[in-house]
Amino acid sequence: MTDQTLWQSIAGTLRAEIAGGVRGTGDRLPTEAQLSARFGVNRHTVRRALAALAEEGLVHARRGAGVFVAPARAEYPIGARVRFRQSMEAAGRVPGKRILASESRPASEGEARVLRLSPGETVHVTDGIALADGAPMALFHAVYPLGRLPGLPKALAEHGSVTRALMACGVPDYVRVSTRISAVLASPVEAGHLKVAPGAPLLLSEAVNATPEGVPVELGFTRFAGERIALTLDHS
């Protein structure tokens, strides 16, 4: 076997053990040395296999503790208040975020209509990847009305959290006023970011958040990896 075939074979064996329940959620995998001995390969080959499983969201590493089987699928409730970070923490996951692009520009006609802006008003746009235990869970595209949120770009950079950034801009609370969910297929670029196969099913959420008084503060488009997250509607 070639080196590539070897690590793919090892990843396939471990993947099957996880799927079959031999290794359950939270179980620690054998050490690299133990896996090397089991499969008769060097540690570099084992690391490539473990890295592939981590990219798929099946395992995650804890510094100094080892590699563990990740929870099968995260529950993400969609209700009056939708907060990715809090939802992942409540599920025992470690949330994270990686920003891919950020810019301020004139609003498009559609953005201006949804956010109730005058044509050409400035919006701030961020694109990024939402993570849980280091695994990519979703791609997000968020549009904010900059005139209502002075200082938002700096606040987002400083706080990382949308909730804290909005609070710093004078919005202490916000609620979900609309959500539209549809199924789409991952483009090659989206698949690369989410570590899924091109054409894999994604859940597309188109949502508007507003102040309790009904003033829009965010228009968001989020593409969730269907194999890693379940969207649940919270009617409470």
Foldseek 3Di string as FASTA:
>chain_A
DDLVVLLVVLLVVVVVCDVVVVADFFRFDDALVVSCVVSVHHSVSPVVSLVLCVQVVQWAADVPPHIGGHDFAFEFEAEFDGFPCVSLVVVVWHKDKDWDDKDKFFDDPVRCVVQVHDGRQIKIWTWIFIDTSRATFKIKIKIFRCVQQPPLVVLCVVPVGPQRSSVVRVQNDKTWDDKDKDKDFADPVRCVRNVHDGGQIWIWIFTWMGGPVRRTGMTMIMTGRPRHYDYHYDPD
